[in-house]
Amino acid sequence: MAMIKCPECGREISDTVVKCPHCGYGLKKEVTAVSDISNKKKRYIGIVMCVFACMLFVFALKNITNSKYKFYVENYDIYVAGYEQNANTASQYSSGIFRNGYSQIASGYKDMAEDAKRAIWSYRIKSIASCGVGVFLMVFGIKDIRKNKEI
């Protein structure tokens, strides 16, 4: 512990005090080195958050443009039309093997349409969630970068 002179009143005071006990003059502590390191870390964290957000946006875009998603979207209408056509044909028969056959086929188309709809929404929800997390990371990443600019 070293003694220094107060710049205001000139009396000897400890170098660890925040303000002079005699006159109340506020002394500044030198903590810039620690805060500079902390600001750099926060800035890098912000940059990493922005990069990760961009990766999530790319994932979301690829998720709804891949071939499996397109397959389900293109075939959903075909399945629905197949169900409607076979259900209508089955209803034209009062009973028997034709009614049961067309009902079975219609049931198969209905199941395929429901599976396709589930798959389509699964892809969409993954993409929406990825975009939501991406926006969150981007906003807070940019805030960290702006708040901790190097001077």
Protein backbone atom coordinates (compact mmCIF):
# COMPACT_ATOMS: atom_id res chain seq x y z
CA MET A 1 0.00 0.00 0.00
CA ALA A 2 1.57 3.24 -1.13
CA MET A 3 0.75 6.77 -0.12
CA ILE A 4 -0.12 9.41 -2.70
CA LYS A 5 -1.03 13.10 -2.54
CA CYS A 6 -4.64 14.12 -3.09
CA PRO A 7 -4.77 16.30 -6.24
CA GLU A 8 -7.37 18.57 -4.58
CA CYS A 9 -6.16 19.18 -1.00
CA GLY A 10 -2.57 17.91 -1.24
CA ARG A 11 -2.73 15.66 1.85
CA GLU A 12 -1.23 12.19 1.92
CA ILE A 13 -3.78 9.40 1.35
CA SER A 14 -3.69 5.69 0.57
CA ASP A 15 -3.59 4.71 -3.09
CA THR A 16 -6.44 2.23 -2.52
CA VAL A 17 -9.15 4.73 -1.54
CA VAL A 18 -11.82 5.78 -4.03
CA LYS A 19 -12.17 9.30 -2.64
CA CYS A 20 -10.11 11.50 -0.35
CA PRO A 21 -11.22 11.12 3.30
CA HIS A 22 -10.27 14.76 3.99
CA CYS A 23 -11.88 16.70 1.14
CA GLY A 24 -14.04 14.07 -0.58
CA TYR A 25 -12.31 14.43 -3.96
CA GLY A 26 -13.12 11.41 -6.14
CA LEU A 27 -10.15 9.45 -7.42
CA LYS A 28 -10.30 7.34 -10.57
CA LYS A 29 -9.06 3.80 -10.43
CA GLU A 30 -7.21 2.43 -13.43
CA VAL A 31 -9.19 -0.60 -14.55
CA THR A 32 -9.07 -0.01 -18.27
CA ALA A 33 -6.90 -3.04 -19.01
CA VAL A 34 -9.40 -5.45 -17.43
CA SER A 35 -12.40 -3.75 -19.03
CA ASP A 36 -10.67 -3.71 -22.45
CA ILE A 37 -10.18 -7.48 -22.27
CA SER A 38 -13.77 -7.95 -21.14
CA ASN A 39 -15.06 -5.72 -23.95
CA LYS A 40 -13.02 -7.64 -26.53
CA LYS A 41 -14.43 -10.96 -25.28
CA LYS A 42 -17.98 -9.61 -25.44
CA ARG A 43 -17.32 -8.28 -28.93
CA TYR A 44 -16.04 -11.68 -30.09
CA ILE A 45 -19.04 -13.37 -28.49
CA GLY A 46 -21.27 -10.99 -30.45
CA ILE A 47 -19.45 -11.85 -33.67
CA VAL A 48 -19.79 -15.58 -32.98
CA MET A 49 -23.50 -15.10 -32.27
CA CYS A 50 -23.97 -13.32 -35.62
CA VAL A 51 -22.07 -16.04 -37.50
CA PHE A 52 -24.16 -18.74 -35.82
CA ALA A 53 -27.33 -16.80 -36.67
CA CYS A 54 -26.31 -16.73 -40.34
CA MET A 55 -25.73 -20.48 -40.22
CA LEU A 56 -29.25 -20.96 -38.82
CA PHE A 57 -30.73 -18.84 -41.63
CA VAL A 58 -28.92 -20.99 -44.21
CA PHE A 59 -30.20 -24.16 -42.47
CA ALA A 60 -33.76 -22.82 -42.54
CA LEU A 61 -33.52 -21.96 -46.22
CA LYS A 62 -32.04 -25.35 -47.13
CA ASN A 63 -34.66 -27.10 -45.02
CA ILE A 64 -37.57 -25.80 -47.08
CA THR A 65 -35.84 -26.08 -50.45
CA ASN A 66 -34.54 -29.65 -50.22
CA SER A 67 -35.83 -32.45 -52.43
CA LYS A 68 -37.75 -34.30 -49.67
CA TYR A 69 -39.74 -31.19 -48.76
CA LYS A 70 -40.51 -30.53 -52.42
CA PHE A 71 -41.59 -34.18 -52.85
CA TYR A 72 -44.12 -33.92 -50.01
CA VAL A 73 -45.46 -30.55 -51.22
CA GLU A 74 -45.84 -31.74 -54.82
CA ASN A 75 -47.51 -35.02 -53.88
CA TYR A 76 -49.86 -33.78 -51.15
CA ASP A 77 -52.41 -32.53 -53.70
CA ILE A 78 -52.14 -35.80 -55.64
CA TYR A 79 -52.89 -37.79 -52.46
CA VAL A 80 -55.89 -35.60 -51.60
CA ALA A 81 -57.26 -35.89 -55.15
CA GLY A 82 -56.75 -39.68 -55.07
CA TYR A 83 -58.60 -39.91 -51.77
CA GLU A 84 -61.53 -37.83 -53.02
CA GLN A 85 -61.80 -39.72 -56.32
CA ASN A 86 -61.72 -43.18 -54.71
CA ALA A 87 -64.05 -42.18 -51.86
CA ASN A 88 -66.59 -40.87 -54.42
CA THR A 89 -66.26 -44.01 -56.52
CA ALA A 90 -66.74 -46.20 -53.41
CA SER A 91 -69.88 -44.26 -52.49
CA GLN A 92 -71.42 -45.11 -55.89
CA TYR A 93 -71.54 -48.79 -54.99
CA SER A 94 -74.10 -49.91 -52.43
CA SER A 95 -72.00 -52.79 -51.11
CA GLY A 96 -69.69 -55.54 -52.17
CA ILE A 97 -66.15 -56.02 -53.27
CA PHE A 98 -65.92 -52.82 -55.36
CA ARG A 99 -67.07 -50.59 -52.51
CA ASN A 100 -64.62 -52.22 -50.09
CA GLY A 101 -61.79 -52.06 -52.63
CA TYR A 102 -62.27 -48.38 -53.43
CA SER A 103 -62.69 -47.59 -49.71
CA GLN A 104 -59.36 -49.32 -48.99
CA ILE A 105 -57.63 -47.37 -51.75
CA ALA A 106 -59.18 -44.10 -50.49
CA SER A 107 -57.99 -44.92 -46.97
CA GLY A 108 -54.46 -45.44 -48.29
CA TYR A 109 -54.51 -42.08 -50.07
CA LYS A 110 -55.85 -40.41 -46.92
CA ASP A 111 -53.01 -41.88 -44.84
CA MET A 112 -50.42 -40.74 -47.40
CA ALA A 113 -51.92 -37.22 -47.45
CA GLU A 114 -51.81 -37.03 -43.64
CA ASP A 115 -48.19 -38.25 -43.59
CA ALA A 116 -47.23 -35.70 -46.23
CA LYS A 117 -48.97 -32.91 -44.32
CA ARG A 118 -47.14 -33.87 -41.11
CA ALA A 119 -43.82 -33.94 -42.96
CA ILE A 120 -44.45 -30.57 -44.61
CA TRP A 121 -45.27 -28.94 -41.27
CA SER A 122 -42.29 -30.60 -39.64
CA TYR A 123 -39.99 -28.95 -42.19
CA ARG A 124 -41.79 -25.62 -41.83
CA ILE A 125 -41.65 -25.63 -38.02
CA LYS A 126 -37.94 -26.45 -38.05
CA SER A 127 -37.34 -23.56 -40.43
CA ILE A 128 -39.46 -21.13 -38.43
CA ALA A 129 -37.72 -22.13 -35.19
CA SER A 130 -34.30 -21.76 -36.82
CA CYS A 131 -35.19 -18.30 -38.08
CA GLY A 132 -36.54 -17.27 -34.68
CA VAL A 133 -33.38 -18.35 -32.88
CA GLY A 134 -31.32 -16.77 -35.66
CA VAL A 135 -33.05 -13.41 -35.25
CA PHE A 136 -32.57 -13.59 -31.47
CA LEU A 137 -28.86 -14.34 -31.85
CA MET A 138 -28.40 -11.69 -34.52
CA VAL A 139 -30.05 -8.96 -32.43
CA PHE A 140 -28.05 -9.71 -29.30
CA GLY A 141 -24.87 -10.30 -31.28
CA ILE A 142 -25.15 -6.90 -32.93
CA LYS A 143 -25.87 -5.31 -29.55
CA ASP A 144 -22.70 -6.86 -28.11
CA ILE A 145 -20.65 -5.71 -31.08
CA ARG A 146 -21.98 -2.14 -30.95
CA LYS A 147 -21.79 -1.82 -27.19
CA ASN A 148 -18.20 -3.05 -27.02
CA LYS A 149 -16.63 -1.20 -29.93
CA GLU A 150 -12.89 -0.78 -29.82
CA ILE A 151 -11.87 2.85 -29.43
